[in-house]
Amino acid sequence: MTATLLAGCLLATSCGATPDGHATSSTLPSSGTPLSSTPVSATGTVPTTPTTPPVKGPEPVKPTGDAIDVRKVRWTKAKPVAKGRKVQLVWTSGVAPCTVLDRVKVKETRTRVTITLYEGTAPTAKNVSCIMIAIEKTTTVKLRAPLGKRKIVDGAKA
């Protein structure tokens, strides 16, 4: 008797799947037209569209001046800002305190501006576990004279 009742209930409802693979729960009345075709997950909830986090720009940093194991680092972008009186640099780096900007060296001539970034480890990073992840960082340096037609050169490449 229980098996017959269960079979009758299964025949009264139909289950299917939407083109994206979600299960649907539909009750078929005598007309054969489904009353509902809302996608339902296995837990019985309606799935939501995942959202992506907003795209974040490079992390602004300032030189610390106290890093240890300092080395030159190549930058990837240099953009004149403030009517050519400053240059905004972008580079790929590690996370602080394991990787910090120690200093920026700027050498200006009549034909070029050479900018060199120096990174190291913060003194506070002793006995700290550092994750190996790359992030974009940015810093802005002030020039003695407006950039004009001078070429911007990466001092770490020389």
C-alpha atoms as a PDB file:
ATOM      1  CA  MET A   1       0.000   0.000   0.000  1.00  0.00           C
ATOM      2  CA  THR A   2       2.798   2.456   0.882  1.00  0.00           C
ATOM      3  CA  ALA A   3       4.623   1.715  -2.377  1.00  0.00           C
ATOM      4  CA  THR A   4       1.444   2.366  -4.389  1.00  0.00           C
ATOM      5  CA  LEU A   5       0.876   5.673  -2.591  1.00  0.00           C
ATOM      6  CA  LEU A   6       4.500   6.722  -3.199  1.00  0.00           C
ATOM      7  CA  ALA A   7       4.274   5.835  -6.900  1.00  0.00           C
ATOM      8  CA  GLY A   8       1.073   7.863  -7.217  1.00  0.00           C
ATOM      9  CA  CYS A   9       2.737  10.903  -5.631  1.00  0.00           C
ATOM     10  CA  LEU A  10       5.720  10.638  -7.970  1.00  0.00           C
ATOM     11  CA  LEU A  11       3.450  10.506 -10.995  1.00  0.00           C
ATOM     12  CA  ALA A  12       1.599  13.631  -9.819  1.00  0.00           C
ATOM     13  CA  THR A  13       4.791  15.723  -9.780  1.00  0.00           C
ATOM     14  CA  SER A  14       7.644  15.885 -12.191  1.00  0.00           C
ATOM     15  CA  CYS A  15      11.251  16.838 -11.647  1.00  0.00           C
ATOM     16  CA  GLY A  16      13.593  17.983 -14.361  1.00  0.00           C
ATOM     17  CA  ALA A  17      16.570  20.228 -14.958  1.00  0.00           C
ATOM     18  CA  THR A  18      17.055  23.654 -16.455  1.00  0.00           C
ATOM     19  CA  PRO A  19      19.598  24.113 -19.266  1.00  0.00           C
ATOM     20  CA  ASP A  20      22.177  25.269 -16.674  1.00  0.00           C
ATOM     21  CA  GLY A  21      21.851  21.982 -14.748  1.00  0.00           C
ATOM     22  CA  HIS A  22      19.708  23.183 -11.803  1.00  0.00           C
ATOM     23  CA  ALA A  23      16.861  20.920 -10.729  1.00  0.00           C
ATOM     24  CA  THR A  24      13.328  22.193 -11.232  1.00  0.00           C
ATOM     25  CA  SER A  25      10.302  21.290  -9.258  1.00  0.00           C
ATOM     26  CA  SER A  26       7.107  21.353 -11.296  1.00  0.00           C
ATOM     27  CA  THR A  27       3.631  20.196 -10.469  1.00  0.00           C
ATOM     28  CA  LEU A  28       1.686  19.067 -13.523  1.00  0.00           C
ATOM     29  CA  PRO A  29      -2.029  19.715 -13.331  1.00  0.00           C
ATOM     30  CA  SER A  30      -4.404  17.810 -15.551  1.00  0.00           C
ATOM     31  CA  SER A  31      -3.664  20.287 -18.388  1.00  0.00           C
ATOM     32  CA  GLY A  32       0.007  19.159 -18.494  1.00  0.00           C
ATOM     33  CA  THR A  33       1.342  22.728 -18.071  1.00  0.00           C
ATOM     34  CA  PRO A  34       3.789  23.204 -15.172  1.00  0.00           C
ATOM     35  CA  LEU A  35       2.620  25.538 -12.411  1.00  0.00           C
ATOM     36  CA  SER A  36       6.211  26.430 -11.450  1.00  0.00           C
ATOM     37  CA  SER A  37       9.547  26.170 -13.183  1.00  0.00           C
ATOM     38  CA  THR A  38      11.743  28.013 -10.676  1.00  0.00           C
ATOM     39  CA  PRO A  39      15.232  26.446 -10.462  1.00  0.00           C
ATOM     40  CA  VAL A  40      15.771  24.722  -7.126  1.00  0.00           C
ATOM     41  CA  SER A  41      19.091  23.475  -5.726  1.00  0.00           C
ATOM     42  CA  ALA A  42      19.507  20.122  -4.015  1.00  0.00           C
ATOM     43  CA  THR A  43      18.950  21.872  -0.671  1.00  0.00           C
ATOM     44  CA  GLY A  44      15.645  23.319  -1.859  1.00  0.00           C
ATOM     45  CA  THR A  45      16.887  26.900  -2.140  1.00  0.00           C
ATOM     46  CA  VAL A  46      16.816  29.092  -5.218  1.00  0.00           C
ATOM     47  CA  PRO A  47      20.401  29.577  -6.470  1.00  0.00           C
ATOM     48  CA  THR A  48      21.812  33.100  -6.592  1.00  0.00           C
ATOM     49  CA  THR A  49      24.234  34.531  -9.102  1.00  0.00           C
ATOM     50  CA  PRO A  50      27.721  34.769  -7.584  1.00  0.00           C
ATOM     51  CA  THR A  51      29.107  38.277  -7.351  1.00  0.00           C
ATOM     52  CA  THR A  52      32.715  39.147  -8.032  1.00  0.00           C
ATOM     53  CA  PRO A  53      34.530  41.569  -5.768  1.00  0.00           C
ATOM     54  CA  PRO A  54      35.190  45.010  -7.211  1.00  0.00           C
ATOM     55  CA  VAL A  55      38.501  45.431  -8.990  1.00  0.00           C
ATOM     56  CA  LYS A  56      40.897  47.179  -6.655  1.00  0.00           C
ATOM     57  CA  GLY A  57      43.753  49.319  -7.914  1.00  0.00           C
ATOM     58  CA  PRO A  58      47.373  49.165  -6.798  1.00  0.00           C
ATOM     59  CA  GLU A  59      48.047  49.615  -3.081  1.00  0.00           C
ATOM     60  CA  PRO A  60      49.557  53.060  -2.357  1.00  0.00           C
ATOM     61  CA  VAL A  61      52.767  52.851  -0.287  1.00  0.00           C
ATOM     62  CA  LYS A  62      55.357  55.269   1.066  1.00  0.00           C
ATOM     63  CA  PRO A  63      59.059  54.573   1.628  1.00  0.00           C
ATOM     64  CA  THR A  64      59.901  53.348   5.140  1.00  0.00           C
ATOM     65  CA  GLY A  65      63.643  54.046   5.051  1.00  0.00           C
ATOM     66  CA  ASP A  66      64.423  51.252   7.505  1.00  0.00           C
ATOM     67  CA  ALA A  67      64.165  48.023   5.478  1.00  0.00           C
ATOM     68  CA  ILE A  68      66.779  45.283   5.694  1.00  0.00           C
ATOM     69  CA  ASP A  69      68.170  43.178   2.820  1.00  0.00           C
ATOM     70  CA  VAL A  70      67.397  46.023   0.387  1.00  0.00           C
ATOM     71  CA  ARG A  71      67.477  45.384  -3.363  1.00  0.00           C
ATOM     72  CA  LYS A  72      66.486  47.187  -6.571  1.00  0.00           C
ATOM     73  CA  VAL A  73      63.013  46.394  -7.926  1.00  0.00           C
ATOM     74  CA  ARG A  74      61.750  46.978 -11.467  1.00  0.00           C
ATOM     75  CA  TRP A  75      58.585  48.995 -11.913  1.00  0.00           C
ATOM     76  CA  THR A  76      56.021  48.166 -14.618  1.00  0.00           C
ATOM     77  CA  LYS A  77      54.368  51.544 -15.242  1.00  0.00           C
ATOM     78  CA  ALA A  78      55.386  55.173 -14.906  1.00  0.00           C
ATOM     79  CA  LYS A  79      52.837  57.906 -15.496  1.00  0.00           C
ATOM     80  CA  PRO A  80      53.418  61.668 -15.240  1.00  0.00           C
ATOM     81  CA  VAL A  81      50.876  63.351 -12.938  1.00  0.00           C
ATOM     82  CA  ALA A  82      50.361  66.852 -11.499  1.00  0.00           C
ATOM     83  CA  LYS A  83      51.220  68.511 -14.824  1.00  0.00           C
ATOM     84  CA  GLY A  84      54.481  66.557 -15.078  1.00  0.00           C
ATOM     85  CA  ARG A  85      55.782  67.649 -11.669  1.00  0.00           C
ATOM     86  CA  LYS A  86      55.347  64.132 -10.265  1.00  0.00           C
ATOM     87  CA  VAL A  87      55.609  60.560 -11.568  1.00  0.00           C
ATOM     88  CA  GLN A  88      53.331  57.760 -10.387  1.00  0.00           C
ATOM     89  CA  LEU A  89      55.006  54.334 -10.429  1.00  0.00           C
ATOM     90  CA  VAL A  90      53.357  50.896 -10.335  1.00  0.00           C
ATOM     91  CA  TRP A  91      55.133  47.602  -9.681  1.00  0.00           C
ATOM     92  CA  THR A  92      54.437  44.050  -8.516  1.00  0.00           C
ATOM     93  CA  SER A  93      55.588  43.154  -5.025  1.00  0.00           C
ATOM     94  CA  GLY A  94      54.980  41.005  -1.968  1.00  0.00           C
ATOM     95  CA  VAL A  95      52.929  41.819   1.115  1.00  0.00           C
ATOM     96  CA  ALA A  96      54.116  43.914   4.052  1.00  0.00           C
ATOM     97  CA  PRO A  97      55.926  43.553   6.405  1.00  0.00           C
ATOM     98  CA  CYS A  98      57.816  40.941   4.429  1.00  0.00           C
ATOM     99  CA  THR A  99      58.272  43.272   1.452  1.00  0.00           C
ATOM    100  CA  VAL A 100      58.237  47.050   1.941  1.00  0.00           C
ATOM    101  CA  LEU A 101      59.376  50.026  -0.102  1.00  0.00           C
ATOM    102  CA  ASP A 102      62.602  51.270   1.500  1.00  0.00           C
ATOM    103  CA  ARG A 103      63.384  54.263  -0.723  1.00  0.00           C
ATOM    104  CA  VAL A 104      63.078  55.756  -4.199  1.00  0.00           C
ATOM    105  CA  LYS A 105      66.099  57.271  -5.936  1.00  0.00           C
ATOM    106  CA  VAL A 106      65.468  59.910  -8.625  1.00  0.00           C
ATOM    107  CA  LYS A 107      68.257  61.130 -10.912  1.00  0.00           C
ATOM    108  CA  GLU A 108      67.310  63.952 -13.289  1.00  0.00           C
ATOM    109  CA  THR A 109      69.241  65.140 -16.348  1.00  0.00           C
ATOM    110  CA  ARG A 110      68.243  67.348 -19.287  1.00  0.00           C
ATOM    111  CA  THR A 111      67.170  64.311 -21.371  1.00  0.00           C
ATOM    112  CA  ARG A 112      66.026  61.685 -18.874  1.00  0.00           C
ATOM    113  CA  VAL A 113      64.651  60.982 -15.414  1.00  0.00           C
ATOM    114  CA  THR A 114      65.960  57.743 -13.917  1.00  0.00           C
ATOM    115  CA  ILE A 115      63.824  56.359 -11.098  1.00  0.00           C
ATOM    116  CA  THR A 116      64.975  53.404  -9.002  1.00  0.00           C
ATOM    117  CA  LEU A 117      62.818  51.595  -6.439  1.00  0.00           C
ATOM    118  CA  TYR A 118      64.457  49.809  -3.495  1.00  0.00           C
ATOM    119  CA  GLU A 119      62.563  47.191  -1.490  1.00  0.00           C
ATOM    120  CA  GLY A 120      63.450  45.080   1.506  1.00  0.00           C
ATOM    121  CA  THR A 121      61.996  43.496   4.604  1.00  0.00           C
ATOM    122  CA  ALA A 122      60.640  45.529   7.509  1.00  0.00           C
ATOM    123  CA  PRO A 123      62.603  45.076  10.755  1.00  0.00           C
ATOM    124  CA  THR A 124      59.332  44.053  12.442  1.00  0.00           C
ATOM    125  CA  ALA A 125      59.058  40.980  10.177  1.00  0.00           C
ATOM    126  CA  LYS A 126      61.299  38.807  12.377  1.00  0.00           C
ATOM    127  CA  ASN A 127      59.651  35.449  13.102  1.00  0.00           C
ATOM    128  CA  VAL A 128      56.723  36.294  10.817  1.00  0.00           C
ATOM    129  CA  SER A 129      55.263  33.869   8.298  1.00  0.00           C
ATOM    130  CA  CYS A 130      54.909  35.502   4.897  1.00  0.00           C
ATOM    131  CA  ILE A 131      52.457  34.388   2.259  1.00  0.00           C
ATOM    132  CA  MET A 132      53.814  34.211  -1.265  1.00  0.00           C
ATOM    133  CA  ILE A 133      51.342  36.374  -3.132  1.00  0.00           C
ATOM    134  CA  ALA A 134      51.953  39.121  -5.654  1.00  0.00           C
ATOM    135  CA  ILE A 135      50.183  42.455  -5.323  1.00  0.00           C
ATOM    136  CA  GLU A 136      50.449  45.691  -7.255  1.00  0.00           C
ATOM    137  CA  LYS A 137      51.823  48.675  -5.368  1.00  0.00           C
ATOM    138  CA  THR A 138      52.089  52.323  -6.324  1.00  0.00           C
ATOM    139  CA  THR A 139      54.021  55.349  -5.125  1.00  0.00           C
ATOM    140  CA  THR A 140      54.361  58.882  -6.427  1.00  0.00           C
ATOM    141  CA  VAL A 141      57.642  60.797  -6.555  1.00  0.00           C
ATOM    142  CA  LYS A 142      58.143  64.528  -6.922  1.00  0.00           C
ATOM    143  CA  LEU A 143      60.517  65.853  -9.573  1.00  0.00           C
ATOM    144  CA  ARG A 144      62.803  68.892  -9.170  1.00  0.00           C
ATOM    145  CA  ALA A 145      61.664  70.174 -12.592  1.00  0.00           C
ATOM    146  CA  PRO A 146      58.586  69.294 -14.687  1.00  0.00           C
ATOM    147  CA  LEU A 147      59.108  66.183 -16.840  1.00  0.00           C
ATOM    148  CA  GLY A 148      58.528  67.935 -20.171  1.00  0.00           C
ATOM    149  CA  LYS A 149      59.931  65.839 -23.039  1.00  0.00           C
ATOM    150  CA  ARG A 150      62.398  63.922 -20.895  1.00  0.00           C
ATOM    151  CA  LYS A 151      62.319  60.131 -20.980  1.00  0.00           C
ATOM    152  CA  ILE A 152      61.463  58.147 -17.810  1.00  0.00           C
ATOM    153  CA  VAL A 153      63.947  55.284 -17.248  1.00  0.00           C
ATOM    154  CA  ASP A 154      63.815  52.380 -14.754  1.00  0.00           C
ATOM    155  CA  GLY A 155      67.029  52.474 -12.726  1.00  0.00           C
ATOM    156  CA  ALA A 156      66.672  48.795 -11.756  1.00  0.00           C
ATOM    157  CA  LYS A 157      67.097  47.749 -15.410  1.00  0.00           C
ATOM    158  CA  ALA A 158      70.461  49.474 -15.779  1.00  0.00           C
END
